[in-house]
Amino acid sequence: MIRSTLVTLTLALAAAGARADTSGCNSAESRQFDFWVGRWSVSPNGHPEKHVADSLIEKLYQGCAIRENWSPLHGGGGGSLSSYVPAEHGWRQTWVDSAGARVDFTGGWTGSAMVLTGVWPQPGHPAQLTRMTYTAGADGSVRQLGETSDDGGKTWRPSFDFIYRKAA
């Protein structure tokens, strides 16, 4: 009786583990942002000699999240936690920085880039949208293009443009 109960319990736990492994964290969608994972040296686009930050991007929690640790050479840092949300068929990212900003972004994979958008209020611009487009380069780099909009996304203007290169 005890042996039968242990076998049943073992089979139930194994089945639960198998279900956990296929919970969406191992799906193709949950791997769409993996190109950003790594240890990076960051510079403005077009100025590879001007190192402005280091960034560590890690895949965590059995593949269910991607955490960024942004460390600029000057000024305060910040970080984000990103994950694919199967019920929404998209991605969410929460950014928090040393200035107290907290921004929630949503978006997803376009087929060639990860695009995330959120309301990031700035002085004089309380409803400003920020859109970030992450694109993998053929050389293994990643471009992060930031754009802002004050008209609900009808028009966009450049805000930042970084190239992430693998750190030595």
N, C-alpha and C. Protein backbone atom coordinates (compact mmCIF):
# COMPACT_ATOMS: atom_id res chain seq x y z
N MET A 1 0.82 -1.19 0.00
CA MET A 1 0.00 0.00 0.00
C MET A 1 0.87 1.26 0.00
N ILE A 2 1.85 1.28 0.90
CA ILE A 2 2.74 2.44 0.96
C ILE A 2 3.53 2.58 -0.33
N ARG A 3 4.02 1.45 -0.85
CA ARG A 3 4.78 1.46 -2.10
C ARG A 3 3.90 1.97 -3.24
N SER A 4 2.67 1.53 -3.31
CA SER A 4 1.74 1.98 -4.35
C SER A 4 1.48 3.48 -4.25
N THR A 5 1.35 3.97 -3.04
CA THR A 5 1.13 5.40 -2.81
C THR A 5 2.36 6.20 -3.23
N LEU A 6 3.56 5.68 -2.92
CA LEU A 6 4.79 6.37 -3.32
C LEU A 6 4.94 6.40 -4.84
N VAL A 7 4.61 5.30 -5.50
CA VAL A 7 4.68 5.25 -6.96
C VAL A 7 3.70 6.25 -7.56
N THR A 8 2.48 6.30 -7.04
CA THR A 8 1.47 7.24 -7.52
C THR A 8 1.93 8.67 -7.30
N LEU A 9 2.48 8.97 -6.12
CA LEU A 9 2.97 10.31 -5.82
C LEU A 9 4.13 10.67 -6.72
N THR A 10 5.06 9.74 -6.95
CA THR A 10 6.20 9.99 -7.83
C THR A 10 5.73 10.29 -9.25
N LEU A 11 4.78 9.52 -9.75
CA LEU A 11 4.24 9.75 -11.10
C LEU A 11 3.53 11.10 -11.18
N ALA A 12 2.80 11.46 -10.14
CA ALA A 12 2.10 12.75 -10.13
C ALA A 12 3.09 13.91 -10.13
N LEU A 13 4.16 13.80 -9.35
CA LEU A 13 5.17 14.85 -9.31
C LEU A 13 5.90 14.94 -10.65
N ALA A 14 6.20 13.81 -11.27
CA ALA A 14 6.86 13.82 -12.57
C ALA A 14 5.97 14.48 -13.61
N ALA A 15 4.67 14.18 -13.57
CA ALA A 15 3.73 14.79 -14.52
C ALA A 15 3.64 16.29 -14.27
N ALA A 16 3.62 16.71 -13.02
CA ALA A 16 3.58 18.14 -12.70
C ALA A 16 4.83 18.82 -13.20
N GLY A 17 5.99 18.17 -13.05
CA GLY A 17 7.25 18.73 -13.56
C GLY A 17 7.23 18.86 -15.06
N ALA A 18 6.68 17.86 -15.74
CA ALA A 18 6.59 17.93 -17.20
C ALA A 18 5.69 19.08 -17.62
N ARG A 19 4.58 19.28 -16.91
CA ARG A 19 3.70 20.40 -17.22
C ARG A 19 4.41 21.72 -16.98
N ALA A 20 5.20 21.81 -15.90
CA ALA A 20 5.93 23.05 -15.61
C ALA A 20 6.94 23.35 -16.71
N ASP A 21 7.57 22.30 -17.27
CA ASP A 21 8.56 22.51 -18.32
C ASP A 21 7.95 23.04 -19.61
N THR A 22 6.66 22.82 -19.81
CA THR A 22 6.02 23.27 -21.04
C THR A 22 5.06 24.43 -20.77
N SER A 23 5.29 25.17 -19.70
CA SER A 23 4.37 26.22 -19.28
C SER A 23 4.45 27.48 -20.14
N GLY A 24 5.24 27.49 -21.17
CA GLY A 24 5.38 28.69 -21.99
C GLY A 24 6.77 29.26 -21.92
N CYS A 25 7.50 28.91 -20.88
CA CYS A 25 8.85 29.45 -20.72
C CYS A 25 9.84 28.80 -21.68
N ASN A 26 9.47 27.69 -22.27
CA ASN A 26 10.33 27.02 -23.23
C ASN A 26 9.78 27.14 -24.65
N SER A 27 8.77 27.95 -24.82
CA SER A 27 8.16 28.11 -26.14
C SER A 27 9.05 28.96 -27.04
N ALA A 28 8.80 28.90 -28.32
CA ALA A 28 9.54 29.74 -29.27
C ALA A 28 9.35 31.21 -28.94
N GLU A 29 8.14 31.57 -28.53
CA GLU A 29 7.85 32.98 -28.20
C GLU A 29 8.67 33.45 -27.01
N SER A 30 8.83 32.58 -26.02
CA SER A 30 9.58 32.99 -24.82
C SER A 30 11.07 33.12 -25.09
N ARG A 31 11.53 32.65 -26.26
CA ARG A 31 12.94 32.77 -26.63
C ARG A 31 13.20 33.89 -27.63
N GLN A 32 12.18 34.67 -27.98
CA GLN A 32 12.33 35.71 -29.00
C GLN A 32 13.33 36.80 -28.62
N PHE A 33 13.53 37.02 -27.32
CA PHE A 33 14.39 38.10 -26.84
C PHE A 33 15.75 37.58 -26.40
N ASP A 34 16.03 36.29 -26.62
CA ASP A 34 17.30 35.69 -26.16
C ASP A 34 18.52 36.33 -26.83
N PHE A 35 18.35 36.94 -27.99
CA PHE A 35 19.49 37.57 -28.67
C PHE A 35 20.10 38.70 -27.84
N TRP A 36 19.35 39.21 -26.86
CA TRP A 36 19.82 40.31 -26.02
C TRP A 36 20.60 39.81 -24.80
N VAL A 37 20.53 38.52 -24.51
CA VAL A 37 21.18 37.96 -23.33
C VAL A 37 22.70 37.97 -23.52
N GLY A 38 23.40 38.47 -22.51
CA GLY A 38 24.86 38.49 -22.55
C GLY A 38 25.44 39.59 -21.68
N ARG A 39 26.74 39.69 -21.69
CA ARG A 39 27.47 40.77 -20.99
C ARG A 39 27.94 41.73 -22.08
N TRP A 40 27.54 43.00 -21.97
CA TRP A 40 27.71 43.95 -23.06
C TRP A 40 28.48 45.20 -22.67
N SER A 41 29.17 45.74 -23.65
CA SER A 41 29.75 47.08 -23.61
C SER A 41 28.86 47.92 -24.53
N VAL A 42 28.38 49.05 -24.03
CA VAL A 42 27.40 49.84 -24.77
C VAL A 42 27.99 51.18 -25.20
N SER A 43 27.71 51.54 -26.45
CA SER A 43 28.18 52.82 -27.00
C SER A 43 27.08 53.42 -27.87
N PRO A 44 27.14 54.74 -28.08
CA PRO A 44 26.17 55.35 -29.00
C PRO A 44 26.38 54.81 -30.41
N ASN A 45 25.30 54.63 -31.14
CA ASN A 45 25.38 54.14 -32.51
C ASN A 45 26.25 55.09 -33.33
N GLY A 46 27.20 54.52 -34.06
CA GLY A 46 28.12 55.32 -34.88
C GLY A 46 29.36 55.78 -34.16
N HIS A 47 29.46 55.49 -32.85
CA HIS A 47 30.62 55.91 -32.05
C HIS A 47 31.11 54.75 -31.17
N PRO A 48 31.64 53.69 -31.78
CA PRO A 48 32.05 52.52 -31.00
C PRO A 48 33.16 52.80 -30.00
N GLU A 49 33.91 53.87 -30.22
CA GLU A 49 35.00 54.21 -29.30
C GLU A 49 34.50 54.88 -28.01
N LYS A 50 33.24 55.31 -27.98
CA LYS A 50 32.68 56.03 -26.84
C LYS A 50 31.86 55.08 -25.96
N HIS A 51 32.54 54.38 -25.08
CA HIS A 51 31.91 53.42 -24.16
C HIS A 51 31.15 54.21 -23.09
N VAL A 52 29.81 54.04 -23.02
CA VAL A 52 29.00 54.82 -22.08
C VAL A 52 28.41 53.98 -20.95
N ALA A 53 28.34 52.65 -21.15
CA ALA A 53 27.73 51.81 -20.11
C ALA A 53 28.14 50.36 -20.31
N ASP A 54 27.93 49.61 -19.24
CA ASP A 54 28.01 48.15 -19.29
C ASP A 54 26.61 47.64 -18.98
N SER A 55 26.27 46.51 -19.54
CA SER A 55 24.94 45.96 -19.29
C SER A 55 25.05 44.44 -19.23
N LEU A 56 24.47 43.89 -18.19
CA LEU A 56 24.42 42.44 -18.03
C LEU A 56 22.96 42.02 -18.22
N ILE A 57 22.71 41.18 -19.22
CA ILE A 57 21.37 40.70 -19.52
C ILE A 57 21.37 39.20 -19.28
N GLU A 58 20.54 38.74 -18.33
CA GLU A 58 20.53 37.34 -17.92
C GLU A 58 19.16 36.70 -18.14
N LYS A 59 19.18 35.46 -18.57
CA LYS A 59 17.96 34.65 -18.65
C LYS A 59 17.81 33.95 -17.31
N LEU A 60 16.66 34.13 -16.66
CA LEU A 60 16.47 33.60 -15.30
C LEU A 60 15.18 32.81 -15.17
N TYR A 61 15.02 32.21 -14.01
CA TYR A 61 13.79 31.54 -13.60
C TYR A 61 13.36 30.49 -14.62
N GLN A 62 14.29 29.59 -14.93
CA GLN A 62 14.08 28.49 -15.86
C GLN A 62 13.60 28.99 -17.22
N GLY A 63 14.15 30.14 -17.65
CA GLY A 63 13.84 30.67 -18.96
C GLY A 63 12.61 31.54 -19.02
N CYS A 64 12.01 31.82 -17.87
CA CYS A 64 10.75 32.59 -17.86
C CYS A 64 10.95 34.10 -17.84
N ALA A 65 12.15 34.59 -17.61
CA ALA A 65 12.37 36.03 -17.54
C ALA A 65 13.76 36.40 -18.03
N ILE A 66 13.89 37.64 -18.44
CA ILE A 66 15.17 38.22 -18.82
C ILE A 66 15.38 39.46 -17.96
N ARG A 67 16.49 39.48 -17.24
CA ARG A 67 16.79 40.62 -16.36
C ARG A 67 17.96 41.42 -16.90
N GLU A 68 17.77 42.71 -16.94
CA GLU A 68 18.82 43.64 -17.37
C GLU A 68 19.37 44.37 -16.16
N ASN A 69 20.69 44.53 -16.11
CA ASN A 69 21.35 45.36 -15.11
C ASN A 69 22.16 46.40 -15.88
N TRP A 70 21.63 47.61 -15.98
CA TRP A 70 22.21 48.72 -16.75
C TRP A 70 23.12 49.51 -15.83
N SER A 71 24.40 49.61 -16.20
CA SER A 71 25.39 50.29 -15.37
C SER A 71 26.13 51.35 -16.20
N PRO A 72 25.61 52.58 -16.23
CA PRO A 72 26.31 53.63 -16.98
C PRO A 72 27.62 54.00 -16.30
N LEU A 73 28.58 54.46 -17.08
CA LEU A 73 29.85 54.86 -16.52
C LEU A 73 29.72 56.14 -15.70
N HIS A 74 28.73 56.96 -16.03
CA HIS A 74 28.45 58.21 -15.29
C HIS A 74 26.96 58.27 -14.99
N GLY A 75 26.63 58.60 -13.76
CA GLY A 75 25.22 58.69 -13.39
C GLY A 75 24.72 57.39 -12.80
N GLY A 76 23.44 57.41 -12.45
CA GLY A 76 22.83 56.25 -11.79
C GLY A 76 22.44 55.17 -12.77
N GLY A 77 22.27 54.00 -12.23
CA GLY A 77 21.91 52.85 -13.06
C GLY A 77 20.45 52.50 -12.95
N GLY A 78 20.14 51.34 -13.46
CA GLY A 78 18.77 50.85 -13.43
C GLY A 78 18.72 49.44 -13.97
N GLY A 79 17.51 48.96 -14.12
CA GLY A 79 17.37 47.62 -14.65
C GLY A 79 15.94 47.31 -15.02
N SER A 80 15.81 46.19 -15.71
CA SER A 80 14.48 45.79 -16.15
C SER A 80 14.29 44.29 -15.98
N LEU A 81 13.04 43.89 -15.95
CA LEU A 81 12.66 42.49 -15.94
C LEU A 81 11.64 42.32 -17.06
N SER A 82 11.95 41.43 -18.00
CA SER A 82 11.09 41.20 -19.16
C SER A 82 10.63 39.76 -19.19
N SER A 83 9.40 39.54 -19.68
CA SER A 83 8.92 38.17 -19.83
C SER A 83 7.84 38.12 -20.90
N TYR A 84 7.76 36.95 -21.52
CA TYR A 84 6.68 36.68 -22.46
C TYR A 84 5.46 36.27 -21.65
N VAL A 85 4.30 36.83 -21.99
CA VAL A 85 3.05 36.54 -21.29
C VAL A 85 2.14 35.79 -22.26
N PRO A 86 2.09 34.46 -22.16
CA PRO A 86 1.32 33.68 -23.12
C PRO A 86 -0.14 34.11 -23.26
N ALA A 87 -0.80 34.44 -22.16
CA ALA A 87 -2.21 34.82 -22.22
C ALA A 87 -2.43 36.11 -23.02
N GLU A 88 -1.39 36.94 -23.10
CA GLU A 88 -1.48 38.20 -23.84
C GLU A 88 -0.83 38.12 -25.22
N HIS A 89 -0.17 37.00 -25.50
CA HIS A 89 0.56 36.81 -26.76
C HIS A 89 1.53 37.96 -27.01
N GLY A 90 2.20 38.38 -25.94
CA GLY A 90 3.15 39.49 -26.06
C GLY A 90 4.11 39.54 -24.88
N TRP A 91 4.94 40.55 -24.93
CA TRP A 91 5.98 40.75 -23.93
C TRP A 91 5.64 41.92 -23.02
N ARG A 92 6.12 41.83 -21.79
CA ARG A 92 6.05 42.93 -20.82
C ARG A 92 7.45 43.16 -20.26
N GLN A 93 7.75 44.43 -20.01
CA GLN A 93 9.02 44.78 -19.38
C GLN A 93 8.73 45.86 -18.35
N THR A 94 9.31 45.70 -17.16
CA THR A 94 9.24 46.74 -16.14
C THR A 94 10.64 47.27 -15.91
N TRP A 95 10.80 48.59 -16.05
CA TRP A 95 12.07 49.27 -15.87
C TRP A 95 12.00 50.06 -14.56
N VAL A 96 13.06 50.00 -13.76
CA VAL A 96 13.20 50.80 -12.54
C VAL A 96 14.62 51.34 -12.53
N ASP A 97 14.76 52.65 -12.20
CA ASP A 97 16.12 53.19 -12.17
C ASP A 97 16.39 53.95 -10.89
N SER A 98 17.64 54.40 -10.74
CA SER A 98 18.10 55.05 -9.52
C SER A 98 17.51 56.45 -9.34
N ALA A 99 16.84 56.98 -10.35
CA ALA A 99 16.16 58.27 -10.21
C ALA A 99 14.72 58.08 -9.73
N GLY A 100 14.31 56.83 -9.52
CA GLY A 100 12.97 56.55 -9.03
C GLY A 100 11.95 56.31 -10.14
N ALA A 101 12.38 56.31 -11.38
CA ALA A 101 11.45 56.05 -12.48
C ALA A 101 11.06 54.57 -12.48
N ARG A 102 9.80 54.33 -12.77
CA ARG A 102 9.29 52.97 -12.96
C ARG A 102 8.39 53.04 -14.18
N VAL A 103 8.70 52.22 -15.18
CA VAL A 103 7.95 52.26 -16.43
C VAL A 103 7.57 50.84 -16.82
N ASP A 104 6.32 50.67 -17.24
CA ASP A 104 5.86 49.38 -17.75
C ASP A 104 5.72 49.47 -19.26
N PHE A 105 6.41 48.55 -19.94
CA PHE A 105 6.39 48.49 -21.40
C PHE A 105 5.66 47.23 -21.83
N THR A 106 5.00 47.29 -22.97
CA THR A 106 4.39 46.12 -23.58
C THR A 106 4.75 46.10 -25.06
N GLY A 107 4.69 44.93 -25.65
CA GLY A 107 4.98 44.84 -27.07
C GLY A 107 5.29 43.42 -27.46
N GLY A 108 6.15 43.30 -28.47
CA GLY A 108 6.48 41.96 -28.91
C GLY A 108 7.38 41.93 -30.11
N TRP A 109 7.52 40.74 -30.63
CA TRP A 109 8.40 40.44 -31.75
C TRP A 109 7.69 40.79 -33.05
N THR A 110 8.36 41.55 -33.92
CA THR A 110 7.78 41.95 -35.20
C THR A 110 8.17 41.03 -36.35
N GLY A 111 9.04 40.08 -36.07
CA GLY A 111 9.60 39.23 -37.11
C GLY A 111 11.04 39.59 -37.38
N SER A 112 11.44 40.81 -37.01
CA SER A 112 12.83 41.22 -37.19
C SER A 112 13.38 42.00 -35.99
N ALA A 113 12.52 42.38 -35.06
CA ALA A 113 12.97 43.17 -33.90
C ALA A 113 11.97 43.00 -32.76
N MET A 114 12.46 43.24 -31.54
CA MET A 114 11.59 43.32 -30.36
C MET A 114 11.24 44.78 -30.17
N VAL A 115 9.95 45.10 -30.10
CA VAL A 115 9.49 46.47 -29.95
C VAL A 115 8.62 46.56 -28.70
N LEU A 116 9.02 47.43 -27.77
CA LEU A 116 8.31 47.62 -26.51
C LEU A 116 7.98 49.09 -26.33
N THR A 117 6.76 49.39 -25.90
CA THR A 117 6.30 50.77 -25.76
C THR A 117 5.66 50.96 -24.40
N GLY A 118 5.91 52.13 -23.79
CA GLY A 118 5.29 52.46 -22.51
C GLY A 118 5.25 53.95 -22.28
N VAL A 119 4.43 54.36 -21.32
CA VAL A 119 4.34 55.77 -20.94
C VAL A 119 5.45 56.05 -19.95
N TRP A 120 6.36 56.97 -20.33
CA TRP A 120 7.49 57.35 -19.49
C TRP A 120 7.45 58.87 -19.34
N PRO A 121 6.72 59.36 -18.34
CA PRO A 121 6.57 60.81 -18.17
C PRO A 121 7.91 61.52 -18.01
N GLN A 122 8.02 62.67 -18.64
CA GLN A 122 9.20 63.53 -18.54
C GLN A 122 8.72 64.92 -18.14
N PRO A 123 9.60 65.75 -17.57
CA PRO A 123 9.18 67.10 -17.20
C PRO A 123 8.54 67.82 -18.39
N GLY A 124 7.33 68.30 -18.20
CA GLY A 124 6.60 69.00 -19.26
C GLY A 124 5.93 68.07 -20.26
N HIS A 125 6.10 66.77 -20.08
CA HIS A 125 5.53 65.77 -20.99
C HIS A 125 4.94 64.62 -20.16
N PRO A 126 3.83 64.84 -19.46
CA PRO A 126 3.32 63.85 -18.51
C PRO A 126 2.82 62.55 -19.13
N ALA A 127 2.52 62.53 -20.40
CA ALA A 127 2.00 61.31 -21.05
C ALA A 127 2.91 60.84 -22.18
N GLN A 128 4.18 61.20 -22.11
CA GLN A 128 5.10 60.87 -23.19
C GLN A 128 5.27 59.35 -23.33
N LEU A 129 5.13 58.87 -24.56
CA LEU A 129 5.39 57.47 -24.87
C LEU A 129 6.86 57.30 -25.23
N THR A 130 7.41 56.18 -24.80
CA THR A 130 8.76 55.78 -25.22
C THR A 130 8.63 54.42 -25.90
N ARG A 131 9.20 54.33 -27.08
CA ARG A 131 9.22 53.08 -27.82
C ARG A 131 10.67 52.66 -27.98
N MET A 132 10.96 51.40 -27.60
CA MET A 132 12.31 50.86 -27.74
C MET A 132 12.27 49.71 -28.74
N THR A 133 13.18 49.77 -29.71
CA THR A 133 13.29 48.72 -30.71
C THR A 133 14.66 48.08 -30.59
N TYR A 134 14.67 46.79 -30.32
CA TYR A 134 15.90 46.01 -30.15
C TYR A 134 16.07 45.15 -31.40
N THR A 135 17.21 45.30 -32.08
CA THR A 135 17.47 44.56 -33.31
C THR A 135 18.83 43.88 -33.23
N ALA A 136 18.85 42.58 -33.54
CA ALA A 136 20.10 41.83 -33.55
C ALA A 136 20.88 42.17 -34.80
N GLY A 137 22.18 42.45 -34.63
CA GLY A 137 23.06 42.74 -35.76
C GLY A 137 23.71 41.46 -36.28
N ALA A 138 24.08 41.48 -37.54
CA ALA A 138 24.74 40.31 -38.15
C ALA A 138 26.05 39.97 -37.46
N ASP A 139 26.68 40.98 -36.82
CA ASP A 139 27.96 40.76 -36.14
C ASP A 139 27.80 40.33 -34.68
N GLY A 140 26.56 40.05 -34.24
CA GLY A 140 26.32 39.63 -32.86
C GLY A 140 25.98 40.78 -31.93
N SER A 141 26.03 42.01 -32.43
CA SER A 141 25.68 43.16 -31.61
C SER A 141 24.15 43.30 -31.54
N VAL A 142 23.69 44.19 -30.68
CA VAL A 142 22.27 44.51 -30.57
C VAL A 142 22.12 46.02 -30.58
N ARG A 143 21.21 46.51 -31.43
CA ARG A 143 20.90 47.94 -31.46
C ARG A 143 19.64 48.17 -30.64
N GLN A 144 19.70 49.16 -29.74
CA GLN A 144 18.52 49.58 -28.98
C GLN A 144 18.23 51.02 -29.38
N LEU A 145 17.17 51.19 -30.14
CA LEU A 145 16.75 52.51 -30.60
C LEU A 145 15.57 52.96 -29.76
N GLY A 146 15.71 54.12 -29.12
CA GLY A 146 14.63 54.70 -28.34
C GLY A 146 14.03 55.89 -29.07
N GLU A 147 12.71 55.95 -29.06
CA GLU A 147 11.99 57.06 -29.68
C GLU A 147 10.89 57.51 -28.74
N THR A 148 10.52 58.78 -28.82
CA THR A 148 9.45 59.31 -27.97
C THR A 148 8.35 59.94 -28.81
N SER A 149 7.16 59.96 -28.22
CA SER A 149 6.00 60.56 -28.87
C SER A 149 5.18 61.32 -27.84
N ASP A 150 4.76 62.51 -28.21
CA ASP A 150 3.88 63.32 -27.36
C ASP A 150 2.47 63.41 -27.94
N ASP A 151 2.20 62.68 -29.01
CA ASP A 151 0.87 62.74 -29.63
C ASP A 151 0.21 61.36 -29.72
N GLY A 152 0.46 60.54 -28.69
CA GLY A 152 -0.17 59.23 -28.63
C GLY A 152 0.36 58.23 -29.63
N GLY A 153 1.55 58.45 -30.18
CA GLY A 153 2.16 57.51 -31.09
C GLY A 153 1.93 57.81 -32.57
N LYS A 154 1.36 58.97 -32.85
CA LYS A 154 1.16 59.35 -34.27
C LYS A 154 2.50 59.69 -34.92
N THR A 155 3.35 60.39 -34.19
CA THR A 155 4.68 60.73 -34.68
C THR A 155 5.71 60.38 -33.61
N TRP A 156 6.92 60.07 -34.05
CA TRP A 156 8.00 59.66 -33.16
C TRP A 156 9.26 60.45 -33.49
N ARG A 157 10.06 60.74 -32.45
CA ARG A 157 11.35 61.40 -32.65
C ARG A 157 12.42 60.62 -31.87
N PRO A 158 13.64 60.56 -32.41
CA PRO A 158 14.72 59.80 -31.75
C PRO A 158 14.99 60.33 -30.35
N SER A 159 15.30 59.41 -29.46
CA SER A 159 15.64 59.76 -28.09
C SER A 159 17.03 59.24 -27.73
N PHE A 160 17.30 57.98 -28.01
CA PHE A 160 18.62 57.39 -27.81
C PHE A 160 18.83 56.30 -28.83
N ASP A 161 20.09 55.97 -29.07
CA ASP A 161 20.43 54.96 -30.08
C ASP A 161 21.74 54.31 -29.64
N PHE A 162 21.64 53.11 -29.07
CA PHE A 162 22.79 52.43 -28.52
C PHE A 162 23.10 51.15 -29.29
N ILE A 163 24.38 50.81 -29.31
CA ILE A 163 24.84 49.51 -29.82
C ILE A 163 25.45 48.74 -28.65
N TYR A 164 24.94 47.55 -28.43
CA TYR A 164 25.46 46.63 -27.42
C TYR A 164 26.43 45.68 -28.14
N ARG A 165 27.68 45.65 -27.66
CA ARG A 165 28.68 44.72 -28.20
C ARG A 165 29.14 43.81 -27.06
N LYS A 166 29.36 42.55 -27.39
CA LYS A 166 29.80 41.59 -26.36
C LYS A 166 31.04 42.12 -25.66
N ALA A 167 31.00 42.11 -24.33
CA ALA A 167 32.14 42.56 -23.53
C ALA A 167 33.20 41.48 -23.50
N ALA A 168 34.44 41.92 -23.42
CA ALA A 168 35.57 40.97 -23.39
C ALA A 168 35.70 40.34 -22.02
